[in-house]
PDB file of N, CA and C in Angstrom:
ATOM      1  N   MET A   1       0.817  -1.197   0.000  1.00  0.00           N
ATOM      2  CA  MET A   1       0.000   0.000   0.000  1.00  0.00           C
ATOM      3  C   MET A   1       0.860   1.260   0.000  1.00  0.00           C
ATOM      4  N   LEU A   2       1.885   1.241   0.808  1.00  0.00           N
ATOM      5  CA  LEU A   2       2.727   2.428   0.941  1.00  0.00           C
ATOM      6  C   LEU A   2       3.370   2.810  -0.391  1.00  0.00           C
ATOM      7  N   GLN A   3       3.887   1.833  -1.093  1.00  0.00           N
ATOM      8  CA  GLN A   3       4.507   2.107  -2.395  1.00  0.00           C
ATOM      9  C   GLN A   3       3.478   2.635  -3.392  1.00  0.00           C
ATOM     10  N   GLN A   4       2.268   2.073  -3.373  1.00  0.00           N
ATOM     11  CA  GLN A   4       1.211   2.538  -4.266  1.00  0.00           C
ATOM     12  C   GLN A   4       0.869   3.992  -3.985  1.00  0.00           C
ATOM     13  N   LEU A   5       0.769   4.365  -2.721  1.00  0.00           N
ATOM     14  CA  LEU A   5       0.458   5.753  -2.356  1.00  0.00           C
ATOM     15  C   LEU A   5       1.589   6.684  -2.780  1.00  0.00           C
ATOM     16  N   ARG A   6       2.805   6.248  -2.580  1.00  0.00           N
ATOM     17  CA  ARG A   6       3.962   7.088  -2.916  1.00  0.00           C
ATOM     18  C   ARG A   6       4.028   7.387  -4.410  1.00  0.00           C
ATOM     19  N   GLU A   7       3.651   6.419  -5.249  1.00  0.00           N
ATOM     20  CA  GLU A   7       3.735   6.582  -6.696  1.00  0.00           C
ATOM     21  C   GLU A   7       2.501   7.245  -7.308  1.00  0.00           C
ATOM     22  N   LEU A   8       1.485   7.500  -6.510  1.00  0.00           N
ATOM     23  CA  LEU A   8       0.241   8.084  -7.013  1.00  0.00           C
ATOM     24  C   LEU A   8       0.473   9.506  -7.524  1.00  0.00           C
ATOM     25  N   GLU A   9      -0.001   9.786  -8.716  1.00  0.00           N
ATOM     26  CA  GLU A   9       0.110  11.124  -9.306  1.00  0.00           C
ATOM     27  C   GLU A   9      -1.144  11.933  -8.968  1.00  0.00           C
ATOM     28  N   VAL A  10      -1.037  13.250  -9.074  1.00  0.00           N
ATOM     29  CA  VAL A  10      -2.174  14.129  -8.795  1.00  0.00           C
ATOM     30  C   VAL A  10      -3.348  13.741  -9.698  1.00  0.00           C
ATOM     31  N   GLY A  11      -4.521  13.559  -9.098  1.00  0.00           N
ATOM     32  CA  GLY A  11      -5.727  13.200  -9.829  1.00  0.00           C
ATOM     33  C   GLY A  11      -5.973  11.698  -9.915  1.00  0.00           C
ATOM     34  N   GLU A  12      -4.966  10.899  -9.624  1.00  0.00           N
ATOM     35  CA  GLU A  12      -5.132   9.445  -9.650  1.00  0.00           C
ATOM     36  C   GLU A  12      -5.716   8.962  -8.330  1.00  0.00           C
ATOM     37  N   ASN A  13      -6.329   7.775  -8.370  1.00  0.00           N
ATOM     38  CA  ASN A  13      -6.877   7.232  -7.131  1.00  0.00           C
ATOM     39  C   ASN A  13      -6.607   5.743  -7.021  1.00  0.00           C
ATOM     40  N   LEU A  14      -6.725   5.262  -5.802  1.00  0.00           N
ATOM     41  CA  LEU A  14      -6.573   3.850  -5.478  1.00  0.00           C
ATOM     42  C   LEU A  14      -7.790   3.418  -4.669  1.00  0.00           C
ATOM     43  N   ILE A  15      -8.184   2.173  -4.820  1.00  0.00           N
ATOM     44  CA  ILE A  15      -9.324   1.647  -4.075  1.00  0.00           C
ATOM     45  C   ILE A  15      -8.836   0.497  -3.203  1.00  0.00           C
ATOM     46  N   PHE A  16      -9.206   0.555  -1.926  1.00  0.00           N
ATOM     47  CA  PHE A  16      -8.825  -0.462  -0.955  1.00  0.00           C
ATOM     48  C   PHE A  16     -10.076  -1.019  -0.282  1.00  0.00           C
ATOM     49  N   PRO A  17      -9.993  -2.225   0.260  1.00  0.00           N
ATOM     50  CA  PRO A  17     -11.132  -2.770   1.003  1.00  0.00           C
ATOM     51  C   PRO A  17     -11.362  -1.978   2.291  1.00  0.00           C
ATOM     52  N   ALA A  18     -12.595  -1.933   2.736  1.00  0.00           N
ATOM     53  CA  ALA A  18     -12.963  -1.154   3.926  1.00  0.00           C
ATOM     54  C   ALA A  18     -12.144  -1.555   5.150  1.00  0.00           C
ATOM     55  N   GLU A  19     -11.737  -2.793   5.235  1.00  0.00           N
ATOM     56  CA  GLU A  19     -10.971  -3.274   6.389  1.00  0.00           C
ATOM     57  C   GLU A  19      -9.630  -2.554   6.532  1.00  0.00           C
ATOM     58  N   LYS A  20      -9.151  -1.961   5.469  1.00  0.00           N
ATOM     59  CA  LYS A  20      -7.864  -1.244   5.487  1.00  0.00           C
ATOM     60  C   LYS A  20      -8.034   0.249   5.762  1.00  0.00           C
ATOM     61  N   ARG A  21      -9.244   0.690   6.053  1.00  0.00           N
ATOM     62  CA  ARG A  21      -9.552   2.113   6.201  1.00  0.00           C
ATOM     63  C   ARG A  21      -8.615   2.826   7.174  1.00  0.00           C
ATOM     64  N   GLY A  22      -8.480   2.301   8.372  1.00  0.00           N
ATOM     65  CA  GLY A  22      -7.643   2.957   9.380  1.00  0.00           C
ATOM     66  C   GLY A  22      -6.190   3.053   8.958  1.00  0.00           C
ATOM     67  N   THR A  23      -5.671   1.988   8.423  1.00  0.00           N
ATOM     68  CA  THR A  23      -4.273   1.958   7.975  1.00  0.00           C
ATOM     69  C   THR A  23      -4.043   2.938   6.838  1.00  0.00           C
ATOM     70  N   VAL A  24      -4.929   2.909   5.855  1.00  0.00           N
ATOM     71  CA  VAL A  24      -4.778   3.774   4.683  1.00  0.00           C
ATOM     72  C   VAL A  24      -4.857   5.246   5.074  1.00  0.00           C
ATOM     73  N   ARG A  25      -5.836   5.600   5.889  1.00  0.00           N
ATOM     74  CA  ARG A  25      -5.983   7.012   6.267  1.00  0.00           C
ATOM     75  C   ARG A  25      -4.802   7.485   7.107  1.00  0.00           C
ATOM     76  N   SER A  26      -4.308   6.620   7.954  1.00  0.00           N
ATOM     77  CA  SER A  26      -3.145   6.966   8.761  1.00  0.00           C
ATOM     78  C   SER A  26      -1.917   7.188   7.883  1.00  0.00           C
ATOM     79  N   MET A  27      -1.715   6.299   6.909  1.00  0.00           N
ATOM     80  CA  MET A  27      -0.586   6.453   5.979  1.00  0.00           C
ATOM     81  C   MET A  27      -0.694   7.750   5.186  1.00  0.00           C
ATOM     82  N   CYS A  28      -1.894   8.062   4.732  1.00  0.00           N
ATOM     83  CA  CYS A  28      -2.088   9.298   3.957  1.00  0.00           C
ATOM     84  C   CYS A  28      -1.730  10.524   4.782  1.00  0.00           C
ATOM     85  N   THR A  29      -2.061  10.496   6.048  1.00  0.00           N
ATOM     86  CA  THR A  29      -1.763  11.634   6.918  1.00  0.00           C
ATOM     87  C   THR A  29      -0.271  11.716   7.218  1.00  0.00           C
ATOM     88  N   MET A  30       0.295  10.622   7.696  1.00  0.00           N
ATOM     89  CA  MET A  30       1.704  10.637   8.106  1.00  0.00           C
ATOM     90  C   MET A  30       2.654  10.825   6.934  1.00  0.00           C
ATOM     91  N   PHE A  31       2.514  10.000   5.914  1.00  0.00           N
ATOM     92  CA  PHE A  31       3.456  10.052   4.804  1.00  0.00           C
ATOM     93  C   PHE A  31       3.141  11.184   3.834  1.00  0.00           C
ATOM     94  N   GLY A  32       1.894  11.576   3.752  1.00  0.00           N
ATOM     95  CA  GLY A  32       1.550  12.741   2.940  1.00  0.00           C
ATOM     96  C   GLY A  32       2.304  13.973   3.418  1.00  0.00           C
ATOM     97  N   PHE A  33       2.376  14.132   4.729  1.00  0.00           N
ATOM     98  CA  PHE A  33       3.128  15.241   5.318  1.00  0.00           C
ATOM     99  C   PHE A  33       4.612  15.101   4.987  1.00  0.00           C
ATOM    100  N   GLU A  34       5.136  13.900   5.166  1.00  0.00           N
ATOM    101  CA  GLU A  34       6.558  13.655   4.918  1.00  0.00           C
ATOM    102  C   GLU A  34       6.926  13.863   3.451  1.00  0.00           C
ATOM    103  N   TRP A  35       6.059  13.428   2.548  1.00  0.00           N
ATOM    104  CA  TRP A  35       6.317  13.526   1.110  1.00  0.00           C
ATOM    105  C   TRP A  35       5.818  14.837   0.509  1.00  0.00           C
ATOM    106  N   ASP A  36       5.189  15.687   1.285  1.00  0.00           N
ATOM    107  CA  ASP A  36       4.580  16.940   0.831  1.00  0.00           C
ATOM    108  C   ASP A  36       3.523  16.672  -0.248  1.00  0.00           C
ATOM    109  N   LYS A  37       2.651  15.700   0.047  1.00  0.00           N
ATOM    110  CA  LYS A  37       1.540  15.351  -0.838  1.00  0.00           C
ATOM    111  C   LYS A  37       0.251  15.410  -0.025  1.00  0.00           C
ATOM    112  N   THR A  38      -0.855  15.675  -0.701  1.00  0.00           N
ATOM    113  CA  THR A  38      -2.150  15.735  -0.026  1.00  0.00           C
ATOM    114  C   THR A  38      -3.091  14.721  -0.663  1.00  0.00           C
ATOM    115  N   PHE A  39      -3.785  13.985   0.190  1.00  0.00           N
ATOM    116  CA  PHE A  39      -4.713  12.954  -0.252  1.00  0.00           C
ATOM    117  C   PHE A  39      -6.101  13.233   0.315  1.00  0.00           C
ATOM    118  N   SER A  40      -7.120  12.770  -0.393  1.00  0.00           N
ATOM    119  CA  SER A  40      -8.477  12.778   0.150  1.00  0.00           C
ATOM    120  C   SER A  40      -8.975  11.335   0.095  1.00  0.00           C
ATOM    121  N   SER A  41      -9.943  11.035   0.931  1.00  0.00           N
ATOM    122  CA  SER A  41     -10.485   9.680   0.931  1.00  0.00           C
ATOM    123  C   SER A  41     -12.004   9.735   0.955  1.00  0.00           C
ATOM    124  N   LYS A  42     -12.595   8.725   0.360  1.00  0.00           N
ATOM    125  CA  LYS A  42     -14.045   8.631   0.306  1.00  0.00           C
ATOM    126  C   LYS A  42     -14.442   7.184   0.562  1.00  0.00           C
ATOM    127  N   ILE A  43     -15.408   7.001   1.436  1.00  0.00           N
ATOM    128  CA  ILE A  43     -15.881   5.663   1.787  1.00  0.00           C
ATOM    129  C   ILE A  43     -17.110   5.325   0.961  1.00  0.00           C
ATOM    130  N   ASN A  44     -17.128   4.117   0.419  1.00  0.00           N
ATOM    131  CA  ASN A  44     -18.293   3.609  -0.296  1.00  0.00           C
ATOM    132  C   ASN A  44     -18.853   2.467   0.547  1.00  0.00           C
ATOM    133  N   ARG A  45     -19.923   2.767   1.282  1.00  0.00           N
ATOM    134  CA  ARG A  45     -20.495   1.769   2.190  1.00  0.00           C
ATOM    135  C   ARG A  45     -21.104   0.591   1.438  1.00  0.00           C
ATOM    136  N   LYS A  46     -21.681   0.856   0.293  1.00  0.00           N
ATOM    137  CA  LYS A  46     -22.324  -0.201  -0.492  1.00  0.00           C
ATOM    138  C   LYS A  46     -21.304  -1.250  -0.945  1.00  0.00           C
ATOM    139  N   ASP A  47     -20.189  -0.778  -1.507  1.00  0.00           N
ATOM    140  CA  ASP A  47     -19.152  -1.689  -2.009  1.00  0.00           C
ATOM    141  C   ASP A  47     -18.138  -2.078  -0.931  1.00  0.00           C
ATOM    142  N   ARG A  48     -18.222  -1.433   0.236  1.00  0.00           N
ATOM    143  CA  ARG A  48     -17.298  -1.658   1.349  1.00  0.00           C
ATOM    144  C   ARG A  48     -15.847  -1.420   0.920  1.00  0.00           C
ATOM    145  N   THR A  49     -15.640  -0.217   0.329  1.00  0.00           N
ATOM    146  CA  THR A  49     -14.308   0.175  -0.116  1.00  0.00           C
ATOM    147  C   THR A  49     -14.004   1.597   0.339  1.00  0.00           C
ATOM    148  N   ILE A  50     -12.734   1.939   0.284  1.00  0.00           N
ATOM    149  CA  ILE A  50     -12.297   3.318   0.512  1.00  0.00           C
ATOM    150  C   ILE A  50     -11.453   3.716  -0.698  1.00  0.00           C
ATOM    151  N   THR A  51     -11.775   4.868  -1.269  1.00  0.00           N
ATOM    152  CA  THR A  51     -11.049   5.384  -2.426  1.00  0.00           C
ATOM    153  C   THR A  51     -10.177   6.538  -1.975  1.00  0.00           C
ATOM    154  N   VAL A  52      -8.895   6.453  -2.271  1.00  0.00           N
ATOM    155  CA  VAL A  52      -7.932   7.498  -1.920  1.00  0.00           C
ATOM    156  C   VAL A  52      -7.527   8.202  -3.205  1.00  0.00           C
ATOM    157  N   THR A  53      -7.603   9.534  -3.207  1.00  0.00           N
ATOM    158  CA  THR A  53      -7.236  10.338  -4.360  1.00  0.00           C
ATOM    159  C   THR A  53      -6.137  11.319  -3.953  1.00  0.00           C
ATOM    160  N   ARG A  54      -5.117  11.419  -4.778  1.00  0.00           N
ATOM    161  CA  ARG A  54      -4.083  12.435  -4.521  1.00  0.00           C
ATOM    162  C   ARG A  54      -4.582  13.744  -5.112  1.00  0.00           C
ATOM    163  N   ILE A  55      -4.651  14.772  -4.264  1.00  0.00           N
ATOM    164  CA  ILE A  55      -5.159  16.066  -4.723  1.00  0.00           C
ATOM    165  C   ILE A  55      -4.067  17.124  -4.843  1.00  0.00           C
ATOM    166  N   ARG A  56      -2.880  16.854  -4.296  1.00  0.00           N
ATOM    167  CA  ARG A  56      -1.749  17.781  -4.439  1.00  0.00           C
ATOM    168  C   ARG A  56      -0.463  17.025  -4.246  1.00  0.00           C
TER     169      ARG A  56
END
């Protein structure tokens, strides 16, 4: 997951299973700061997924 987030370009997104929500959001916060990147996340309750998008 970490490598996928690091290689994400602005406007691209990744989809993870809902069970990874806490880990993914934590990585986006911690490593986003370290890498000077900004991510947003959106939960899809129906599909039980979380979509992470790099916005900066």
